[in-house]
């Protein structure tokens, strides 16, 4: 699994951080997503997929081929 975030699309809702705090964080100054782990461990996959699914800005994409 390879995770990508588009900070330009992020609206700072923070759902990703609540769901997968090991993978995502937010910048203090504006709440925009930051990616802590672009290749999360297997135990983080389900939460990472859920975070991508609930992102209101569709700023998180997952590539399973990598």
C-alpha atoms as a PDB file:
ATOM      1  CA  UNK A   1       0.000   0.000   0.000  1.00  0.00           C
ATOM      2  CA  UNK A   2       1.234   3.462  -0.946  1.00  0.00           C
ATOM      3  CA  UNK A   3      -0.652   6.494   0.402  1.00  0.00           C
ATOM      4  CA  UNK A   4      -0.715   9.892  -1.300  1.00  0.00           C
ATOM      5  CA  UNK A   5      -2.187  13.157  -0.057  1.00  0.00           C
ATOM      6  CA  UNK A   6      -3.027  16.254  -2.069  1.00  0.00           C
ATOM      7  CA  UNK A   7      -2.524  19.123   0.340  1.00  0.00           C
ATOM      8  CA  UNK A   8      -4.039  21.536  -2.191  1.00  0.00           C
ATOM      9  CA  UNK A   9      -7.354  19.640  -2.018  1.00  0.00           C
ATOM     10  CA  UNK A  10      -7.381  19.175   1.765  1.00  0.00           C
ATOM     11  CA  UNK A  11     -10.029  21.197   3.597  1.00  0.00           C
ATOM     12  CA  UNK A  12      -8.665  20.464   7.081  1.00  0.00           C
ATOM     13  CA  UNK A  13     -11.627  18.438   8.339  1.00  0.00           C
ATOM     14  CA  UNK A  14      -9.290  16.172  10.318  1.00  0.00           C
ATOM     15  CA  UNK A  15     -11.248  12.940   9.964  1.00  0.00           C
ATOM     16  CA  UNK A  16      -8.156  11.177   8.649  1.00  0.00           C
ATOM     17  CA  UNK A  17      -6.206  12.030  11.805  1.00  0.00           C
ATOM     18  CA  UNK A  18      -9.007  10.784  14.038  1.00  0.00           C
ATOM     19  CA  UNK A  19      -9.284   7.499  12.130  1.00  0.00           C
ATOM     20  CA  UNK A  20      -5.602   6.789  11.375  1.00  0.00           C
ATOM     21  CA  UNK A  21      -3.352   8.860  13.666  1.00  0.00           C
ATOM     22  CA  UNK A  22      -0.351   6.653  12.903  1.00  0.00           C
ATOM     23  CA  UNK A  23      -0.566   7.593   9.220  1.00  0.00           C
ATOM     24  CA  UNK A  24      -1.900  11.177   9.152  1.00  0.00           C
ATOM     25  CA  UNK A  25      -1.409  14.405  11.065  1.00  0.00           C
ATOM     26  CA  UNK A  26      -2.395  18.040  10.538  1.00  0.00           C
ATOM     27  CA  UNK A  27      -0.267  21.157  10.290  1.00  0.00           C
ATOM     28  CA  UNK A  28      -0.703  23.353  13.347  1.00  0.00           C
ATOM     29  CA  UNK A  29      -1.028  26.585  11.389  1.00  0.00           C
ATOM     30  CA  UNK A  30      -3.883  25.641   9.063  1.00  0.00           C
ATOM     31  CA  UNK A  31      -5.028  22.069   9.737  1.00  0.00           C
ATOM     32  CA  UNK A  32      -3.924  20.754   6.351  1.00  0.00           C
ATOM     33  CA  UNK A  33      -3.117  17.038   6.276  1.00  0.00           C
ATOM     34  CA  UNK A  34       0.440  15.786   6.521  1.00  0.00           C
ATOM     35  CA  UNK A  35       1.430  12.236   5.718  1.00  0.00           C
ATOM     36  CA  UNK A  36       3.360  10.548   8.515  1.00  0.00           C
ATOM     37  CA  UNK A  37       3.722   7.159   6.843  1.00  0.00           C
ATOM     38  CA  UNK A  38       3.355   6.774   3.050  1.00  0.00           C
ATOM     39  CA  UNK A  39       3.697   2.982   3.344  1.00  0.00           C
ATOM     40  CA  UNK A  40       1.795   2.013   6.496  1.00  0.00           C
ATOM     41  CA  UNK A  41       2.108  -1.382   8.121  1.00  0.00           C
ATOM     42  CA  UNK A  42      -0.532  -3.998   7.382  1.00  0.00           C
ATOM     43  CA  UNK A  43      -2.344  -3.393  10.674  1.00  0.00           C
ATOM     44  CA  UNK A  44      -2.940   0.236   9.577  1.00  0.00           C
ATOM     45  CA  UNK A  45      -4.400  -0.610   6.154  1.00  0.00           C
ATOM     46  CA  UNK A  46      -8.059  -0.809   7.174  1.00  0.00           C
ATOM     47  CA  UNK A  47      -7.964   2.502   9.049  1.00  0.00           C
ATOM     48  CA  UNK A  48      -6.064   4.158   6.201  1.00  0.00           C
ATOM     49  CA  UNK A  49      -8.663   3.002   3.674  1.00  0.00           C
ATOM     50  CA  UNK A  50     -11.456   4.277   5.910  1.00  0.00           C
ATOM     51  CA  UNK A  51      -9.717   7.645   6.258  1.00  0.00           C
ATOM     52  CA  UNK A  52      -9.469   7.942   2.481  1.00  0.00           C
ATOM     53  CA  UNK A  53     -13.119   6.963   2.070  1.00  0.00           C
ATOM     54  CA  UNK A  54     -14.436   9.572   4.513  1.00  0.00           C
ATOM     55  CA  UNK A  55     -12.210  12.449   3.364  1.00  0.00           C
ATOM     56  CA  UNK A  56     -14.690  15.152   2.265  1.00  0.00           C
ATOM     57  CA  UNK A  57     -12.186  16.662  -0.158  1.00  0.00           C
ATOM     58  CA  UNK A  58     -10.979  13.342  -1.625  1.00  0.00           C
ATOM     59  CA  UNK A  59      -7.452  14.478  -0.801  1.00  0.00           C
ATOM     60  CA  UNK A  60      -6.225  10.970   0.099  1.00  0.00           C
ATOM     61  CA  UNK A  61      -5.547   8.323  -2.513  1.00  0.00           C
ATOM     62  CA  UNK A  62      -4.238   4.810  -2.070  1.00  0.00           C
ATOM     63  CA  UNK A  63      -2.221   2.831  -4.555  1.00  0.00           C
ATOM     64  CA  UNK A  64      -2.293  -0.890  -3.843  1.00  0.00           C
ATOM     65  CA  UNK A  65       0.144  -1.814  -6.600  1.00  0.00           C
ATOM     66  CA  UNK A  66       3.220  -0.465  -4.836  1.00  0.00           C
END
